[in-house]
Amino acid sequence: MSERDAAAAGPTAQDTAEKQSDGEQRAAAAENTLLEQMGGVSGLAYSAVPIVVFVLISSFVSLMTAIWSAIGVAVAIAIFRLVRKEPLQPAISGVLGVAVCSFIAYRSGDAKGFFLLGIWTSLIYGGVFLVSVLARWPLVGVAWSALNGLGFSWRKQRRALRGYDLATLAWVAVFAAKYVVQQWLYDADQTGWLAFARIAMGYPLTGLALIVTVWAIRRAAKVAEQEKAAAEVPAARSNPDPSVS
């Protein structure tokens, strides 16, 4: 087969393999990016320590002592992470989160107020993610496309759109579970169990949603490559080399 015939025949197996490899690399990059934004595996322990310190000290000493202790521990952890040259964003977010939660506890005069921000944030996030699915703009797909400049052609690909819908709904389920359980414990004045739920429902549930998210990204990339390759074949055949007489 001549080079012209090969060009007319459409993409080669090598071209397809290269495109698949690129899609897999993007999916792997998505997984790494999401893990970094979460603070990595060590982020679970880092985020749990201020909560445990706050609950223990508020139970045995006083609310104000617990507030300053939690903030102090959060700052110490942030400095430790910066010294180790770990990502800056999770460290700063951790300090700000503990500070805001502590302020709410101070204003409410009750230790359980420390958890209000997380409870209502879960409700708001869950609602936003659900609305994005109903509007046919699933946030998982929108965020991934915006971060990588891939465009939104996947919205016209039913299988890719369905994958992003499922990934976004997984996050809806995570936020809904957090809100329902923690709001119930809050109303029951179960501060200790509220802290346990906050930690236990944090990374485990987020990890499950992350798995579905990575699967959706890989699925969408594969669907996009298949449809693009299928579109290139008839286009190449209908536009033969004009130099051929």
Protein backbone atom coordinates (compact mmCIF):
# COMPACT_ATOMS: atom_id res chain seq x y z
CA MET A 1 0.00 0.00 0.00
CA SER A 2 1.36 3.42 -0.98
CA GLU A 3 1.60 6.34 1.44
CA ARG A 4 -1.31 8.01 -0.35
CA ASP A 5 -3.46 4.89 0.02
CA ALA A 6 -2.54 4.68 3.69
CA ALA A 7 -3.51 8.32 4.22
CA ALA A 8 -6.83 7.75 2.49
CA ALA A 9 -7.52 4.68 4.61
CA GLY A 10 -7.72 6.86 7.70
CA PRO A 11 -5.91 6.64 11.04
CA THR A 12 -3.51 3.75 11.54
CA ALA A 13 -3.31 1.39 14.47
CA GLN A 14 -0.28 3.33 15.68
CA ASP A 15 -2.25 6.61 15.58
CA THR A 16 -5.08 5.00 17.54
CA ALA A 17 -2.66 3.58 20.11
CA GLU A 18 -1.02 6.98 20.54
CA LYS A 19 -4.42 8.62 21.11
CA GLN A 20 -5.40 5.95 23.63
CA SER A 21 -2.10 6.42 25.41
CA ASP A 22 -2.72 10.16 25.59
CA GLY A 23 -6.18 9.56 27.04
CA GLU A 24 -4.82 7.18 29.67
CA GLN A 25 -2.13 9.69 30.61
CA ARG A 26 -4.77 12.40 31.04
CA ALA A 27 -6.84 10.08 33.24
CA ALA A 28 -3.81 9.24 35.37
CA ALA A 29 -3.05 12.96 35.65
CA ALA A 30 -6.64 13.52 36.80
CA GLU A 31 -6.21 10.99 39.59
CA ASN A 32 -2.95 12.57 40.74
CA THR A 33 -4.40 16.09 40.59
CA LEU A 34 -7.43 15.17 42.66
CA LEU A 35 -5.28 13.41 45.25
CA GLU A 36 -3.03 16.46 45.49
CA GLN A 37 -6.02 18.76 45.99
CA MET A 38 -7.15 16.51 48.83
CA GLY A 39 -3.74 16.77 50.45
CA GLY A 40 -2.58 13.28 49.60
CA VAL A 41 -2.95 10.19 51.77
CA SER A 42 -1.40 11.98 54.74
CA GLY A 43 -4.15 14.62 54.52
CA LEU A 44 -6.53 12.31 56.38
CA ALA A 45 -4.39 12.29 59.51
CA TYR A 46 -3.61 16.00 59.23
CA SER A 47 -7.30 16.97 59.00
CA ALA A 48 -8.34 14.65 61.83
CA VAL A 49 -5.89 15.89 64.48
CA PRO A 50 -7.40 19.38 65.08
CA ILE A 51 -10.88 17.85 65.32
CA VAL A 52 -9.79 15.26 67.90
CA VAL A 53 -7.92 17.91 69.90
CA PHE A 54 -10.94 20.23 69.88
CA VAL A 55 -13.42 17.58 71.04
CA LEU A 56 -11.18 16.16 73.77
CA ILE A 57 -10.23 19.54 75.26
CA SER A 58 -13.77 20.94 75.03
CA SER A 59 -15.01 17.85 76.89
CA PHE A 60 -12.50 18.01 79.75
CA VAL A 61 -11.40 21.67 79.94
CA SER A 62 -13.32 24.52 78.27
CA LEU A 63 -14.58 25.70 74.91
CA MET A 64 -12.13 28.59 74.58
CA THR A 65 -9.16 26.39 75.44
CA ALA A 66 -10.35 23.88 72.85
CA ILE A 67 -10.70 26.60 70.21
CA TRP A 68 -7.18 27.96 70.67
CA SER A 69 -5.73 24.47 70.93
CA ALA A 70 -7.34 23.39 67.65
CA ILE A 71 -6.15 26.52 65.86
CA GLY A 72 -2.66 26.09 67.30
CA VAL A 73 -2.47 22.47 66.18
CA ALA A 74 -3.73 23.40 62.68
CA VAL A 75 -1.07 26.11 62.35
CA ALA A 76 1.64 23.72 63.59
CA ILE A 77 0.56 21.11 61.02
CA ALA A 78 0.58 23.73 58.25
CA ILE A 79 4.12 24.83 59.17
CA PHE A 80 5.22 21.19 59.29
CA ARG A 81 3.80 20.59 55.81
CA LEU A 82 5.43 23.73 54.43
CA VAL A 83 8.79 22.72 55.88
CA ARG A 84 8.42 19.37 54.14
CA LYS A 85 7.59 21.26 50.91
CA GLU A 86 4.20 19.63 50.59
CA PRO A 87 1.43 21.34 48.52
CA LEU A 88 0.62 24.79 49.92
CA GLN A 89 -3.12 24.89 49.21
CA PRO A 90 -4.21 22.02 51.53
CA ALA A 91 -2.09 23.45 54.37
CA ILE A 92 -3.66 26.91 54.11
CA SER A 93 -7.16 25.48 53.64
CA GLY A 94 -6.72 23.40 56.78
CA VAL A 95 -5.86 26.42 58.92
CA LEU A 96 -8.68 28.55 57.48
CA GLY A 97 -11.18 25.73 57.90
CA VAL A 98 -10.31 25.19 61.55
CA ALA A 99 -10.35 28.96 62.19
CA VAL A 100 -13.82 29.41 60.68
CA CYS A 101 -15.21 26.36 62.48
CA SER A 102 -13.74 27.62 65.75
CA PHE A 103 -15.30 31.06 65.23
CA ILE A 104 -18.73 29.50 64.68
CA ALA A 105 -18.30 27.43 67.86
CA TYR A 106 -17.31 30.58 69.75
CA ARG A 107 -20.30 32.55 68.47
CA SER A 108 -22.73 29.72 69.19
CA GLY A 109 -21.21 29.06 72.62
CA ASP A 110 -21.43 25.32 72.02
CA ALA A 111 -18.75 22.83 70.99
CA LYS A 112 -21.03 21.23 68.42
CA GLY A 113 -21.03 24.53 66.51
CA PHE A 114 -17.53 23.57 65.37
CA PHE A 115 -19.16 21.17 62.89
CA LEU A 116 -21.85 23.44 61.46
CA LEU A 117 -19.71 24.70 58.58
CA GLY A 118 -19.04 21.18 57.34
CA ILE A 119 -22.68 20.18 57.65
CA TRP A 120 -24.07 23.09 55.66
CA THR A 121 -21.22 23.01 53.16
CA SER A 122 -22.15 19.39 52.39
CA LEU A 123 -25.76 20.43 51.78
CA ILE A 124 -24.77 23.29 49.47
CA TYR A 125 -22.22 21.27 47.51
CA GLY A 126 -24.63 18.36 47.12
CA GLY A 127 -27.33 20.70 45.80
CA VAL A 128 -24.99 22.37 43.31
CA PHE A 129 -23.73 19.03 41.97
CA LEU A 130 -27.29 17.72 41.64
CA VAL A 131 -28.46 20.83 39.77
CA SER A 132 -25.52 20.49 37.36
CA VAL A 133 -26.66 16.98 36.44
CA LEU A 134 -30.26 18.08 35.94
CA ALA A 135 -29.03 20.94 33.74
CA ARG A 136 -26.97 18.44 31.65
CA TRP A 137 -23.72 20.15 32.65
CA PRO A 138 -22.31 17.62 35.18
CA LEU A 139 -19.70 19.40 37.27
CA VAL A 140 -17.15 16.59 37.10
CA GLY A 141 -17.01 16.91 33.31
CA VAL A 142 -17.09 20.70 33.37
CA ALA A 143 -14.27 20.94 35.92
CA TRP A 144 -12.08 18.38 34.13
CA SER A 145 -12.59 20.06 30.74
CA ALA A 146 -11.90 23.52 32.16
CA LEU A 147 -8.71 22.39 33.89
CA ASN A 148 -7.34 20.79 30.74
CA GLY A 149 -8.80 23.00 28.00
CA LEU A 150 -10.49 20.00 26.34
CA GLY A 151 -13.71 21.75 25.36
CA PHE A 152 -17.21 20.44 25.92
CA SER A 153 -17.79 18.24 22.89
CA TRP A 154 -18.39 15.34 25.29
CA ARG A 155 -21.85 16.78 25.98
CA LYS A 156 -22.87 15.53 22.51
CA GLN A 157 -21.53 12.03 23.22
CA ARG A 158 -24.17 10.13 25.13
CA ARG A 159 -21.89 7.56 26.74
CA ALA A 160 -19.36 10.17 27.84
CA LEU A 161 -22.10 12.41 29.23
CA ARG A 162 -23.59 9.45 31.11
CA GLY A 163 -20.22 8.69 32.67
CA TYR A 164 -19.80 12.26 33.90
CA ASP A 165 -23.40 12.19 35.18
CA LEU A 166 -22.67 9.07 37.25
CA ALA A 167 -19.43 10.56 38.63
CA THR A 168 -21.21 13.78 39.60
CA LEU A 169 -24.06 11.83 41.21
CA ALA A 170 -21.47 9.89 43.23
CA TRP A 171 -20.37 13.20 44.75
CA VAL A 172 -24.03 14.11 45.35
CA ALA A 173 -24.43 10.85 47.30
CA VAL A 174 -21.30 11.60 49.36
CA PHE A 175 -22.42 15.10 50.28
CA ALA A 176 -25.98 13.94 51.00
CA ALA A 177 -24.77 11.17 53.32
CA LYS A 178 -22.52 13.56 55.21
CA TYR A 179 -25.29 16.10 55.64
CA VAL A 180 -27.99 13.65 56.75
CA VAL A 181 -25.85 11.75 59.27
CA GLN A 182 -24.04 14.75 60.74
CA GLN A 183 -27.13 16.93 60.93
CA TRP A 184 -28.90 14.16 62.83
CA LEU A 185 -26.00 13.86 65.28
CA TYR A 186 -25.90 17.65 65.63
CA ASP A 187 -29.60 17.80 66.52
CA ALA A 188 -29.06 14.97 69.02
CA ASP A 189 -26.21 16.90 70.71
CA GLN A 190 -23.82 14.02 70.09
CA THR A 191 -20.62 16.06 69.72
CA GLY A 192 -18.28 13.10 70.19
CA TRP A 193 -20.04 10.98 67.60
CA LEU A 194 -20.27 14.03 65.36
CA ALA A 195 -16.47 14.28 65.38
CA PHE A 196 -16.21 10.56 64.66
CA ALA A 197 -18.63 10.86 61.74
CA ARG A 198 -16.77 13.89 60.38
CA ILE A 199 -13.52 11.91 60.26
CA ALA A 200 -14.95 8.52 59.27
CA MET A 201 -17.10 9.94 56.47
CA GLY A 202 -14.34 12.17 55.13
CA TYR A 203 -11.74 10.40 53.07
CA PRO A 204 -13.40 6.95 52.82
CA LEU A 205 -16.48 8.32 51.05
CA THR A 206 -14.42 10.83 49.10
CA GLY A 207 -12.17 7.98 47.98
CA LEU A 208 -15.15 6.08 46.57
CA ALA A 209 -16.35 9.16 44.71
CA LEU A 210 -12.82 9.68 43.42
CA ILE A 211 -12.74 6.15 41.99
CA VAL A 212 -15.97 6.82 40.09
CA THR A 213 -14.59 10.17 38.90
CA VAL A 214 -11.41 8.65 37.48
CA TRP A 215 -13.47 5.93 35.80
CA ALA A 216 -15.72 8.57 34.20
CA ILE A 217 -12.74 10.56 32.90
CA ARG A 218 -11.21 7.46 31.35
CA ARG A 219 -14.53 6.45 29.85
CA ALA A 220 -15.13 9.89 28.36
CA ALA A 221 -11.60 10.01 26.92
CA LYS A 222 -12.06 6.58 25.34
CA VAL A 223 -15.45 7.48 23.87
CA ALA A 224 -14.10 10.74 22.45
CA GLU A 225 -11.18 8.94 20.80
CA GLN A 226 -13.42 6.25 19.30
CA GLU A 227 -15.88 8.74 17.87
CA LYS A 228 -13.11 10.95 16.52
CA ALA A 229 -11.42 7.97 14.84
CA ALA A 230 -14.75 6.85 13.36
CA ALA A 231 -15.36 10.35 11.97
CA GLU A 232 -11.88 10.56 10.42
CA VAL A 233 -12.27 7.39 8.34
CA PRO A 234 -15.17 8.52 6.09
CA ALA A 235 -13.71 12.03 5.94
CA ALA A 236 -10.41 10.69 4.63
CA ARG A 237 -12.13 8.48 2.07
CA SER A 238 -14.37 11.28 0.77
CA ASN A 239 -11.39 13.66 0.38
CA PRO A 240 -8.74 11.77 -1.58
CA ASP A 241 -5.40 13.36 -2.40
CA PRO A 242 -6.13 16.01 -5.12
CA SER A 243 -2.75 15.35 -6.72
CA VAL A 244 -3.94 11.91 -7.80
CA SER A 245 -5.35 12.08 -11.32
